[in-house]
């Protein structure tokens, strides 16, 4: 099937071009999508002097909110960064709970062996 289509590719392309020239918007869109693909948004690199990864979670949130309010960060980027801080907090809680469970298991094992 591919070989049959490729054999007539020039004719098919010319037909699409002709349709676009006659005002067929679907044909126009198809050609434009191939020539100029849709641009994907790219996040700019940002530097926040007031945001320090080693600060407390509260300090990080305050720094992000201040950057949003001052216009240094757009709200969408600020939300993304806030979500990252939240994920960091959740991962810290999981690590802490895991350590506590391991400690309790060890204490239980030691108590049973006595």
PDB file of N, CA and C in Angstrom:
ATOM      1  N   UNK A   1       0.829  -1.179   0.000  1.00  0.00           N
ATOM      2  CA  UNK A   1       0.000   0.000   0.000  1.00  0.00           C
ATOM      3  C   UNK A   1       0.883   1.256   0.000  1.00  0.00           C
ATOM      4  N   UNK A   2       1.940   1.195   0.821  1.00  0.00           N
ATOM      5  CA  UNK A   2       2.843   2.348   0.893  1.00  0.00           C
ATOM      6  C   UNK A   2       3.469   2.613  -0.471  1.00  0.00           C
ATOM      7  N   UNK A   3       3.871   1.572  -1.149  1.00  0.00           N
ATOM      8  CA  UNK A   3       4.502   1.743  -2.467  1.00  0.00           C
ATOM      9  C   UNK A   3       3.521   2.369  -3.461  1.00  0.00           C
ATOM     10  N   UNK A   4       2.261   1.953  -3.406  1.00  0.00           N
ATOM     11  CA  UNK A   4       1.253   2.506  -4.317  1.00  0.00           C
ATOM     12  C   UNK A   4       1.031   3.988  -4.044  1.00  0.00           C
ATOM     13  N   UNK A   5       1.007   4.356  -2.760  1.00  0.00           N
ATOM     14  CA  UNK A   5       0.813   5.769  -2.394  1.00  0.00           C
ATOM     15  C   UNK A   5       2.035   6.584  -2.811  1.00  0.00           C
ATOM     16  N   UNK A   6       3.231   6.054  -2.515  1.00  0.00           N
ATOM     17  CA  UNK A   6       4.455   6.772  -2.867  1.00  0.00           C
ATOM     18  C   UNK A   6       4.592   6.968  -4.369  1.00  0.00           C
ATOM     19  N   UNK A   7       4.105   6.014  -5.136  1.00  0.00           N
ATOM     20  CA  UNK A   7       4.190   6.121  -6.597  1.00  0.00           C
ATOM     21  C   UNK A   7       3.370   7.300  -7.117  1.00  0.00           C
ATOM     22  N   UNK A   8       2.313   7.652  -6.392  1.00  0.00           N
ATOM     23  CA  UNK A   8       1.443   8.751  -6.831  1.00  0.00           C
ATOM     24  C   UNK A   8       1.540   9.971  -5.921  1.00  0.00           C
ATOM     25  N   UNK A   9       2.583  10.037  -5.096  1.00  0.00           N
ATOM     26  CA  UNK A   9       2.724  11.114  -4.119  1.00  0.00           C
ATOM     27  C   UNK A   9       2.692  12.492  -4.766  1.00  0.00           C
ATOM     28  N   UNK A  10       3.364  12.644  -5.900  1.00  0.00           N
ATOM     29  CA  UNK A  10       3.380  13.949  -6.573  1.00  0.00           C
ATOM     30  C   UNK A  10       1.982  14.374  -6.997  1.00  0.00           C
ATOM     31  N   UNK A  11       1.205  13.430  -7.521  1.00  0.00           N
ATOM     32  CA  UNK A  11      -0.175  13.740  -7.943  1.00  0.00           C
ATOM     33  C   UNK A  11      -1.041  14.115  -6.738  1.00  0.00           C
ATOM     34  N   UNK A  12      -0.901  13.346  -5.678  1.00  0.00           N
ATOM     35  CA  UNK A  12      -1.697  13.607  -4.474  1.00  0.00           C
ATOM     36  C   UNK A  12      -1.343  14.980  -3.904  1.00  0.00           C
ATOM     37  N   UNK A  13      -0.066  15.266  -3.816  1.00  0.00           N
ATOM     38  CA  UNK A  13       0.364  16.561  -3.317  1.00  0.00           C
ATOM     39  C   UNK A  13      -0.176  17.688  -4.176  1.00  0.00           C
ATOM     40  N   UNK A  14      -0.106  17.534  -5.474  1.00  0.00           N
ATOM     41  CA  UNK A  14      -0.619  18.568  -6.377  1.00  0.00           C
ATOM     42  C   UNK A  14      -2.123  18.752  -6.192  1.00  0.00           C
ATOM     43  N   UNK A  15      -2.836  17.649  -5.971  1.00  0.00           N
ATOM     44  CA  UNK A  15      -4.288  17.729  -5.728  1.00  0.00           C
ATOM     45  C   UNK A  15      -4.589  18.514  -4.458  1.00  0.00           C
ATOM     46  N   UNK A  16      -3.806  18.282  -3.411  1.00  0.00           N
ATOM     47  CA  UNK A  16      -4.006  19.003  -2.152  1.00  0.00           C
ATOM     48  C   UNK A  16      -3.694  20.481  -2.348  1.00  0.00           C
ATOM     49  N   UNK A  17      -2.614  20.769  -3.071  1.00  0.00           N
ATOM     50  CA  UNK A  17      -2.257  22.169  -3.349  1.00  0.00           C
ATOM     51  C   UNK A  17      -3.357  22.844  -4.146  1.00  0.00           C
ATOM     52  N   UNK A  18      -3.876  22.161  -5.142  1.00  0.00           N
ATOM     53  CA  UNK A  18      -4.967  22.724  -5.954  1.00  0.00           C
ATOM     54  C   UNK A  18      -6.201  22.989  -5.095  1.00  0.00           C
ATOM     55  N   UNK A  19      -6.530  22.036  -4.220  1.00  0.00           N
ATOM     56  CA  UNK A  19      -7.699  22.209  -3.348  1.00  0.00           C
ATOM     57  C   UNK A  19      -7.487  23.416  -2.427  1.00  0.00           C
ATOM     58  N   UNK A  20      -6.278  23.559  -1.900  1.00  0.00           N
ATOM     59  CA  UNK A  20      -5.979  24.699  -1.034  1.00  0.00           C
ATOM     60  C   UNK A  20      -6.108  25.998  -1.815  1.00  0.00           C
ATOM     61  N   UNK A  21      -5.618  26.011  -3.036  1.00  0.00           N
ATOM     62  CA  UNK A  21      -5.721  27.207  -3.879  1.00  0.00           C
ATOM     63  C   UNK A  21      -7.170  27.563  -4.192  1.00  0.00           C
ATOM     64  N   UNK A  22      -8.045  26.572  -4.188  1.00  0.00           N
ATOM     65  CA  UNK A  22      -9.469  26.807  -4.472  1.00  0.00           C
ATOM     66  C   UNK A  22     -10.244  27.180  -3.197  1.00  0.00           C
ATOM     67  N   UNK A  23      -9.532  27.273  -2.079  1.00  0.00           N
ATOM     68  CA  UNK A  23     -10.182  27.715  -0.842  1.00  0.00           C
ATOM     69  C   UNK A  23     -10.549  26.614   0.124  1.00  0.00           C
ATOM     70  N   UNK A  24     -10.127  25.386  -0.116  1.00  0.00           N
ATOM     71  CA  UNK A  24     -10.418  24.278   0.796  1.00  0.00           C
ATOM     72  C   UNK A  24      -9.551  24.457   2.052  1.00  0.00           C
ATOM     73  N   UNK A  25     -10.191  24.877   3.138  1.00  0.00           N
ATOM     74  CA  UNK A  25      -9.458  25.175   4.361  1.00  0.00           C
ATOM     75  C   UNK A  25      -8.830  23.933   4.992  1.00  0.00           C
ATOM     76  N   UNK A  26      -9.441  22.783   4.817  1.00  0.00           N
ATOM     77  CA  UNK A  26      -8.843  21.550   5.342  1.00  0.00           C
ATOM     78  C   UNK A  26      -7.528  21.268   4.632  1.00  0.00           C
ATOM     79  N   UNK A  27      -7.522  21.439   3.303  1.00  0.00           N
ATOM     80  CA  UNK A  27      -6.291  21.254   2.532  1.00  0.00           C
ATOM     81  C   UNK A  27      -5.247  22.296   2.940  1.00  0.00           C
ATOM     82  N   UNK A  28      -5.691  23.542   3.159  1.00  0.00           N
ATOM     83  CA  UNK A  28      -4.776  24.597   3.601  1.00  0.00           C
ATOM     84  C   UNK A  28      -4.135  24.218   4.928  1.00  0.00           C
ATOM     85  N   UNK A  29      -4.962  23.774   5.876  1.00  0.00           N
ATOM     86  CA  UNK A  29      -4.454  23.408   7.193  1.00  0.00           C
ATOM     87  C   UNK A  29      -3.471  22.248   7.087  1.00  0.00           C
ATOM     88  N   UNK A  30      -3.802  21.258   6.272  1.00  0.00           N
ATOM     89  CA  UNK A  30      -2.916  20.112   6.107  1.00  0.00           C
ATOM     90  C   UNK A  30      -1.545  20.562   5.596  1.00  0.00           C
ATOM     91  N   UNK A  31      -1.534  21.423   4.595  1.00  0.00           N
ATOM     92  CA  UNK A  31      -0.261  21.904   4.042  1.00  0.00           C
ATOM     93  C   UNK A  31       0.499  22.756   5.057  1.00  0.00           C
ATOM     94  N   UNK A  32      -0.204  23.669   5.706  1.00  0.00           N
ATOM     95  CA  UNK A  32       0.459  24.536   6.683  1.00  0.00           C
ATOM     96  C   UNK A  32       1.019  23.747   7.866  1.00  0.00           C
ATOM     97  N   UNK A  33       0.275  22.710   8.304  1.00  0.00           N
ATOM     98  CA  UNK A  33       0.754  21.884   9.415  1.00  0.00           C
ATOM     99  C   UNK A  33       2.054  21.168   9.051  1.00  0.00           C
ATOM    100  N   UNK A  34       2.198  20.830   7.774  1.00  0.00           N
ATOM    101  CA  UNK A  34       3.424  20.146   7.334  1.00  0.00           C
ATOM    102  C   UNK A  34       4.583  21.124   7.156  1.00  0.00           C
ATOM    103  N   UNK A  35       4.267  22.332   6.754  1.00  0.00           N
ATOM    104  CA  UNK A  35       5.312  23.320   6.502  1.00  0.00           C
ATOM    105  C   UNK A  35       5.750  23.992   7.791  1.00  0.00           C
ATOM    106  N   UNK A  36       4.769  24.394   8.594  1.00  0.00           N
ATOM    107  CA  UNK A  36       5.054  25.096   9.847  1.00  0.00           C
ATOM    108  C   UNK A  36       4.313  24.408  10.986  1.00  0.00           C
ATOM    109  N   UNK A  37       4.931  23.414  11.629  1.00  0.00           N
ATOM    110  CA  UNK A  37       4.249  22.719  12.722  1.00  0.00           C
ATOM    111  C   UNK A  37       3.921  23.679  13.866  1.00  0.00           C
ATOM    112  N   UNK A  38       2.917  23.312  14.628  1.00  0.00           N
ATOM    113  CA  UNK A  38       2.489  24.113  15.769  1.00  0.00           C
ATOM    114  C   UNK A  38       3.641  24.274  16.747  1.00  0.00           C
ATOM    115  N   UNK A  39       3.853  25.495  17.176  1.00  0.00           N
ATOM    116  CA  UNK A  39       4.920  25.760  18.137  1.00  0.00           C
ATOM    117  C   UNK A  39       4.522  25.238  19.508  1.00  0.00           C
ATOM    118  N   UNK A  40       5.467  24.620  20.160  1.00  0.00           N
ATOM    119  CA  UNK A  40       5.224  24.134  21.509  1.00  0.00           C
ATOM    120  C   UNK A  40       5.771  25.166  22.486  1.00  0.00           C
ATOM    121  N   UNK A  41       5.015  25.431  23.551  1.00  0.00           N
ATOM    122  CA  UNK A  41       5.498  26.430  24.504  1.00  0.00           C
ATOM    123  C   UNK A  41       6.785  25.964  25.170  1.00  0.00           C
ATOM    124  N   UNK A  42       7.670  26.896  25.389  1.00  0.00           N
ATOM    125  CA  UNK A  42       8.909  26.605  26.083  1.00  0.00           C
ATOM    126  C   UNK A  42       8.994  27.500  27.307  1.00  0.00           C
ATOM    127  N   UNK A  43       9.234  26.861  28.423  1.00  0.00           N
ATOM    128  CA  UNK A  43       9.327  27.621  29.671  1.00  0.00           C
ATOM    129  C   UNK A  43      10.654  28.378  29.701  1.00  0.00           C
ATOM    130  N   UNK A  44      10.604  29.637  30.061  1.00  0.00           N
ATOM    131  CA  UNK A  44      11.853  30.392  30.151  1.00  0.00           C
ATOM    132  C   UNK A  44      12.651  29.962  31.385  1.00  0.00           C
ATOM    133  N   UNK A  45      13.947  30.114  31.305  1.00  0.00           N
ATOM    134  CA  UNK A  45      14.792  29.867  32.471  1.00  0.00           C
ATOM    135  C   UNK A  45      14.617  31.047  33.418  1.00  0.00           C
ATOM    136  N   UNK A  46      14.408  30.737  34.676  1.00  0.00           N
ATOM    137  CA  UNK A  46      14.195  31.811  35.651  1.00  0.00           C
ATOM    138  C   UNK A  46      15.219  31.702  36.775  1.00  0.00           C
ATOM    139  N   UNK A  47      15.513  32.815  37.366  1.00  0.00           N
ATOM    140  CA  UNK A  47      16.390  32.866  38.530  1.00  0.00           C
ATOM    141  C   UNK A  47      15.665  33.644  39.616  1.00  0.00           C
ATOM    142  N   UNK A  48      15.500  33.002  40.737  1.00  0.00           N
ATOM    143  CA  UNK A  48      14.852  33.658  41.874  1.00  0.00           C
ATOM    144  C   UNK A  48      15.853  33.727  43.011  1.00  0.00           C
ATOM    145  N   UNK A  49      16.367  34.915  43.257  1.00  0.00           N
ATOM    146  CA  UNK A  49      17.366  35.077  44.317  1.00  0.00           C
ATOM    147  C   UNK A  49      16.789  34.750  45.687  1.00  0.00           C
ATOM    148  N   UNK A  50      15.488  34.993  45.854  1.00  0.00           N
ATOM    149  CA  UNK A  50      14.879  34.792  47.171  1.00  0.00           C
ATOM    150  C   UNK A  50      14.491  33.330  47.414  1.00  0.00           C
ATOM    151  N   UNK A  51      14.565  32.483  46.381  1.00  0.00           N
ATOM    152  CA  UNK A  51      14.173  31.076  46.524  1.00  0.00           C
ATOM    153  C   UNK A  51      15.418  30.224  46.698  1.00  0.00           C
ATOM    154  N   UNK A  52      15.493  29.541  47.818  1.00  0.00           N
ATOM    155  CA  UNK A  52      16.639  28.670  48.080  1.00  0.00           C
ATOM    156  C   UNK A  52      16.110  27.264  48.387  1.00  0.00           C
ATOM    157  N   UNK A  53      16.562  26.264  47.626  1.00  0.00           N
ATOM    158  CA  UNK A  53      16.055  24.904  47.819  1.00  0.00           C
ATOM    159  C   UNK A  53      16.253  24.349  49.225  1.00  0.00           C
ATOM    160  N   UNK A  54      17.241  24.864  49.955  1.00  0.00           N
ATOM    161  CA  UNK A  54      17.486  24.355  51.310  1.00  0.00           C
ATOM    162  C   UNK A  54      16.652  25.054  52.376  1.00  0.00           C
ATOM    163  N   UNK A  55      15.937  26.115  51.995  1.00  0.00           N
ATOM    164  CA  UNK A  55      15.049  26.795  52.946  1.00  0.00           C
ATOM    165  C   UNK A  55      13.916  25.863  53.357  1.00  0.00           C
ATOM    166  N   UNK A  56      13.227  26.225  54.412  1.00  0.00           N
ATOM    167  CA  UNK A  56      12.068  25.442  54.837  1.00  0.00           C
ATOM    168  C   UNK A  56      11.002  25.517  53.744  1.00  0.00           C
ATOM    169  N   UNK A  57      10.101  24.562  53.763  1.00  0.00           N
ATOM    170  CA  UNK A  57       9.030  24.553  52.765  1.00  0.00           C
ATOM    171  C   UNK A  57       8.204  25.832  52.829  1.00  0.00           C
ATOM    172  N   UNK A  58       7.953  26.315  54.054  1.00  0.00           N
ATOM    173  CA  UNK A  58       7.199  27.561  54.210  1.00  0.00           C
ATOM    174  C   UNK A  58       7.955  28.729  53.577  1.00  0.00           C
ATOM    175  N   UNK A  59       9.256  28.814  53.814  1.00  0.00           N
ATOM    176  CA  UNK A  59      10.054  29.900  53.231  1.00  0.00           C
ATOM    177  C   UNK A  59      10.055  29.817  51.696  1.00  0.00           C
ATOM    178  N   UNK A  60      10.111  28.609  51.162  1.00  0.00           N
ATOM    179  CA  UNK A  60      10.076  28.440  49.715  1.00  0.00           C
ATOM    180  C   UNK A  60       8.736  28.920  49.141  1.00  0.00           C
ATOM    181  N   UNK A  61       7.647  28.562  49.806  1.00  0.00           N
ATOM    182  CA  UNK A  61       6.321  28.988  49.348  1.00  0.00           C
ATOM    183  C   UNK A  61       6.179  30.506  49.409  1.00  0.00           C
ATOM    184  N   UNK A  62       6.661  31.096  50.484  1.00  0.00           N
ATOM    185  CA  UNK A  62       6.598  32.561  50.634  1.00  0.00           C
ATOM    186  C   UNK A  62       7.397  33.221  49.521  1.00  0.00           C
ATOM    187  N   UNK A  63       8.587  32.700  49.217  1.00  0.00           N
ATOM    188  CA  UNK A  63       9.422  33.265  48.149  1.00  0.00           C
ATOM    189  C   UNK A  63       8.722  33.157  46.800  1.00  0.00           C
ATOM    190  N   UNK A  64       8.080  32.020  46.537  1.00  0.00           N
ATOM    191  CA  UNK A  64       7.361  31.860  45.265  1.00  0.00           C
ATOM    192  C   UNK A  64       6.172  32.810  45.171  1.00  0.00           C
ATOM    193  N   UNK A  65       5.417  32.921  46.252  1.00  0.00           N
ATOM    194  CA  UNK A  65       4.271  33.840  46.244  1.00  0.00           C
ATOM    195  C   UNK A  65       4.725  35.279  46.031  1.00  0.00           C
ATOM    196  N   UNK A  66       5.816  35.663  46.667  1.00  0.00           N
ATOM    197  CA  UNK A  66       6.344  37.025  46.492  1.00  0.00           C
ATOM    198  C   UNK A  66       6.766  37.251  45.043  1.00  0.00           C
ATOM    199  N   UNK A  67       7.374  36.238  44.432  1.00  0.00           N
ATOM    200  CA  UNK A  67       7.797  36.361  43.028  1.00  0.00           C
ATOM    201  C   UNK A  67       6.598  36.485  42.102  1.00  0.00           C
ATOM    202  N   UNK A  68       5.522  35.782  42.405  1.00  0.00           N
ATOM    203  CA  UNK A  68       4.302  35.875  41.587  1.00  0.00           C
ATOM    204  C   UNK A  68       3.682  37.260  41.730  1.00  0.00           C
ATOM    205  N   UNK A  69       3.537  37.708  42.973  1.00  0.00           N
ATOM    206  CA  UNK A  69       2.911  39.008  43.245  1.00  0.00           C
ATOM    207  C   UNK A  69       3.718  40.145  42.627  1.00  0.00           C
ATOM    208  N   UNK A  70       5.039  40.040  42.661  1.00  0.00           N
ATOM    209  CA  UNK A  70       5.886  41.111  42.122  1.00  0.00           C
ATOM    210  C   UNK A  70       5.985  41.067  40.601  1.00  0.00           C
ATOM    211  N   UNK A  71       5.458  40.011  39.992  1.00  0.00           N
ATOM    212  CA  UNK A  71       5.514  39.899  38.538  1.00  0.00           C
ATOM    213  C   UNK A  71       6.784  39.242  38.021  1.00  0.00           C
ATOM    214  N   UNK A  72       7.631  38.799  38.924  1.00  0.00           N
ATOM    215  CA  UNK A  72       8.859  38.125  38.517  1.00  0.00           C
ATOM    216  C   UNK A  72       8.547  36.745  37.923  1.00  0.00           C
ATOM    217  N   UNK A  73       7.454  36.143  38.377  1.00  0.00           N
ATOM    218  CA  UNK A  73       6.986  34.851  37.873  1.00  0.00           C
ATOM    219  C   UNK A  73       5.564  34.999  37.395  1.00  0.00           C
ATOM    220  N   UNK A  74       5.230  34.364  36.262  1.00  0.00           N
ATOM    221  CA  UNK A  74       3.826  34.366  35.872  1.00  0.00           C
ATOM    222  C   UNK A  74       3.100  33.330  36.732  1.00  0.00           C
ATOM    223  N   UNK A  75       1.799  33.485  36.920  1.00  0.00           N
ATOM    224  CA  UNK A  75       1.064  32.589  37.818  1.00  0.00           C
ATOM    225  C   UNK A  75       1.157  31.110  37.436  1.00  0.00           C
ATOM    226  N   UNK A  76       1.173  30.791  36.147  1.00  0.00           N
ATOM    227  CA  UNK A  76       1.258  29.382  35.740  1.00  0.00           C
ATOM    228  C   UNK A  76       2.585  28.764  36.154  1.00  0.00           C
ATOM    229  N   UNK A  77       3.667  29.480  35.922  1.00  0.00           N
ATOM    230  CA  UNK A  77       4.984  28.980  36.322  1.00  0.00           C
ATOM    231  C   UNK A  77       5.063  28.890  37.840  1.00  0.00           C
ATOM    232  N   UNK A  78       4.516  29.889  38.520  1.00  0.00           N
ATOM    233  CA  UNK A  78       4.488  29.871  39.981  1.00  0.00           C
ATOM    234  C   UNK A  78       3.739  28.661  40.514  1.00  0.00           C
ATOM    235  N   UNK A  79       2.603  28.345  39.893  1.00  0.00           N
ATOM    236  CA  UNK A  79       1.820  27.180  40.327  1.00  0.00           C
ATOM    237  C   UNK A  79       2.608  25.896  40.116  1.00  0.00           C
ATOM    238  N   UNK A  80       3.277  25.812  38.985  1.00  0.00           N
ATOM    239  CA  UNK A  80       4.085  24.622  38.709  1.00  0.00           C
ATOM    240  C   UNK A  80       5.169  24.457  39.770  1.00  0.00           C
ATOM    241  N   UNK A  81       5.829  25.554  40.101  1.00  0.00           N
ATOM    242  CA  UNK A  81       6.877  25.489  41.124  1.00  0.00           C
ATOM    243  C   UNK A  81       6.299  25.171  42.500  1.00  0.00           C
ATOM    244  N   UNK A  82       5.121  25.734  42.808  1.00  0.00           N
ATOM    245  CA  UNK A  82       4.457  25.421  44.083  1.00  0.00           C
ATOM    246  C   UNK A  82       4.120  23.931  44.146  1.00  0.00           C
ATOM    247  N   UNK A  83       3.654  23.389  43.022  1.00  0.00           N
ATOM    248  CA  UNK A  83       3.345  21.957  42.975  1.00  0.00           C
ATOM    249  C   UNK A  83       4.607  21.130  43.216  1.00  0.00           C
ATOM    250  N   UNK A  84       5.740  21.608  42.722  1.00  0.00           N
ATOM    251  CA  UNK A  84       7.000  20.903  42.940  1.00  0.00           C
ATOM    252  C   UNK A  84       7.390  20.944  44.415  1.00  0.00           C
ATOM    253  N   UNK A  85       7.182  22.085  45.062  1.00  0.00           N
ATOM    254  CA  UNK A  85       7.478  22.190  46.492  1.00  0.00           C
ATOM    255  C   UNK A  85       6.559  21.247  47.272  1.00  0.00           C
ATOM    256  N   UNK A  86       5.293  21.185  46.858  1.00  0.00           N
ATOM    257  CA  UNK A  86       4.339  20.289  47.517  1.00  0.00           C
ATOM    258  C   UNK A  86       4.775  18.833  47.354  1.00  0.00           C
ATOM    259  N   UNK A  87       5.205  18.469  46.153  1.00  0.00           N
ATOM    260  CA  UNK A  87       5.682  17.105  45.909  1.00  0.00           C
ATOM    261  C   UNK A  87       6.907  16.809  46.766  1.00  0.00           C
ATOM    262  N   UNK A  88       7.793  17.788  46.878  1.00  0.00           N
ATOM    263  CA  UNK A  88       8.981  17.630  47.723  1.00  0.00           C
ATOM    264  C   UNK A  88       8.563  17.358  49.169  1.00  0.00           C
ATOM    265  N   UNK A  89       7.558  18.099  49.650  1.00  0.00           N
ATOM    266  CA  UNK A  89       7.065  17.906  51.016  1.00  0.00           C
ATOM    267  C   UNK A  89       6.475  16.509  51.177  1.00  0.00           C
ATOM    268  N   UNK A  90       5.686  16.089  50.206  1.00  0.00           N
ATOM    269  CA  UNK A  90       5.064  14.766  50.277  1.00  0.00           C
ATOM    270  C   UNK A  90       6.116  13.664  50.254  1.00  0.00           C
ATOM    271  N   UNK A  91       7.133  13.822  49.418  1.00  0.00           N
ATOM    272  CA  UNK A  91       8.197  12.816  49.348  1.00  0.00           C
ATOM    273  C   UNK A  91       8.972  12.766  50.664  1.00  0.00           C
ATOM    274  N   UNK A  92       9.176  13.929  51.281  1.00  0.00           N
ATOM    275  CA  UNK A  92       9.838  13.962  52.587  1.00  0.00           C
ATOM    276  C   UNK A  92       9.026  13.235  53.637  1.00  0.00           C
ATOM    277  N   UNK A  93       7.707  13.428  53.601  1.00  0.00           N
ATOM    278  CA  UNK A  93       6.830  12.750  54.555  1.00  0.00           C
ATOM    279  C   UNK A  93       6.873  11.243  54.348  1.00  0.00           C
ATOM    280  N   UNK A  94       6.870  10.815  53.085  1.00  0.00           N
ATOM    281  CA  UNK A  94       6.925   9.381  52.786  1.00  0.00           C
ATOM    282  C   UNK A  94       8.234   8.787  53.288  1.00  0.00           C
ATOM    283  N   UNK A  95       9.333   9.491  53.047  1.00  0.00           N
ATOM    284  CA  UNK A  95      10.639   8.993  53.513  1.00  0.00           C
ATOM    285  C   UNK A  95      10.665   8.901  55.034  1.00  0.00           C
ATOM    286  N   UNK A  96      10.108   9.903  55.702  1.00  0.00           N
ATOM    287  CA  UNK A  96      10.080   9.905  57.167  1.00  0.00           C
ATOM    288  C   UNK A  96       9.214   8.765  57.697  1.00  0.00           C
ATOM    289  N   UNK A  97       8.049   8.556  57.100  1.00  0.00           N
ATOM    290  CA  UNK A  97       7.165   7.469  57.531  1.00  0.00           C
ATOM    291  C   UNK A  97       7.807   6.109  57.283  1.00  0.00           C
ATOM    292  N   UNK A  98       8.494   5.977  56.162  1.00  0.00           N
ATOM    293  CA  UNK A  98       9.177   4.715  55.860  1.00  0.00           C
ATOM    294  C   UNK A  98      10.245   4.412  56.903  1.00  0.00           C
ATOM    295  N   UNK A  99      10.979   5.440  57.285  1.00  0.00           N
ATOM    296  CA  UNK A  99      12.015   5.265  58.307  1.00  0.00           C
ATOM    297  C   UNK A  99      11.378   4.870  59.639  1.00  0.00           C
ATOM    298  N   UNK A 100      10.261   5.493  59.982  1.00  0.00           N
ATOM    299  CA  UNK A 100       9.579   5.176  61.234  1.00  0.00           C
ATOM    300  C   UNK A 100       9.051   3.742  61.228  1.00  0.00           C
ATOM    301  N   UNK A 101       8.494   3.316  60.090  1.00  0.00           N
ATOM    302  CA  UNK A 101       7.986   1.939  59.984  1.00  0.00           C
ATOM    303  C   UNK A 101       9.139   0.952  60.135  1.00  0.00           C
ATOM    304  N   UNK A 102      10.272   1.233  59.483  1.00  0.00           N
ATOM    305  CA  UNK A 102      11.436   0.346  59.596  1.00  0.00           C
ATOM    306  C   UNK A 102      11.908   0.265  61.045  1.00  0.00           C
ATOM    307  N   UNK A 103      11.918   1.411  61.736  1.00  0.00           N
ATOM    308  CA  UNK A 103      12.331   1.435  63.140  1.00  0.00           C
ATOM    309  C   UNK A 103      11.371   0.635  64.009  1.00  0.00           C
ATOM    310  N   UNK A 104      10.068   0.785  63.756  1.00  0.00           N
ATOM    311  CA  UNK A 104       9.077   0.014  64.523  1.00  0.00           C
ATOM    312  C   UNK A 104       9.212  -1.479  64.266  1.00  0.00           C
ATOM    313  N   UNK A 105       9.476  -1.871  63.034  1.00  0.00           N
ATOM    314  CA  UNK A 105       9.671  -3.290  62.712  1.00  0.00           C
ATOM    315  C   UNK A 105      10.875  -3.847  63.470  1.00  0.00           C
ATOM    316  N   UNK A 106      11.942  -3.048  63.504  1.00  0.00           N
ATOM    317  CA  UNK A 106      13.143  -3.487  64.216  1.00  0.00           C
ATOM    318  C   UNK A 106      12.862  -3.621  65.710  1.00  0.00           C
ATOM    319  N   UNK A 107      12.154  -2.639  66.268  1.00  0.00           N
ATOM    320  CA  UNK A 107      11.812  -2.702  67.694  1.00  0.00           C
ATOM    321  C   UNK A 107      10.938  -3.911  67.990  1.00  0.00           C
ATOM    322  N   UNK A 108       9.981  -4.184  67.118  1.00  0.00           N
ATOM    323  CA  UNK A 108       9.084  -5.332  67.294  1.00  0.00           C
ATOM    324  C   UNK A 108       9.868  -6.634  67.211  1.00  0.00           C
ATOM    325  N   UNK A 109      10.754  -6.725  66.221  1.00  0.00           N
ATOM    326  CA  UNK A 109      11.561  -7.941  66.061  1.00  0.00           C
ATOM    327  C   UNK A 109      12.436  -8.163  67.291  1.00  0.00           C
ATOM    328  N   UNK A 110      13.028  -7.091  67.811  1.00  0.00           N
ATOM    329  CA  UNK A 110      13.858  -7.214  69.005  1.00  0.00           C
ATOM    330  C   UNK A 110      13.038  -7.617  70.225  1.00  0.00           C
ATOM    331  N   UNK A 111      11.819  -7.093  70.337  1.00  0.00           N
ATOM    332  CA  UNK A 111      10.946  -7.415  71.481  1.00  0.00           C
ATOM    333  C   UNK A 111      10.514  -8.874  71.414  1.00  0.00           C
ATOM    334  N   UNK A 112      10.260  -9.387  70.229  1.00  0.00           N
ATOM    335  CA  UNK A 112       9.813 -10.778  70.061  1.00  0.00           C
ATOM    336  C   UNK A 112      10.972 -11.735  70.378  1.00  0.00           C
ATOM    337  N   UNK A 113      12.175 -11.365  70.045  1.00  0.00           N
ATOM    338  CA  UNK A 113      13.333 -12.234  70.271  1.00  0.00           C
ATOM    339  C   UNK A 113      13.714 -12.311  71.741  1.00  0.00           C
ATOM    340  N   UNK A 114      13.288 -11.403  72.571  1.00  0.00           N
ATOM    341  CA  UNK A 114      13.635 -11.398  74.004  1.00  0.00           C
ATOM    342  C   UNK A 114      12.905 -12.437  74.740  1.00  0.00           C
TER     343      UNK A 114
END
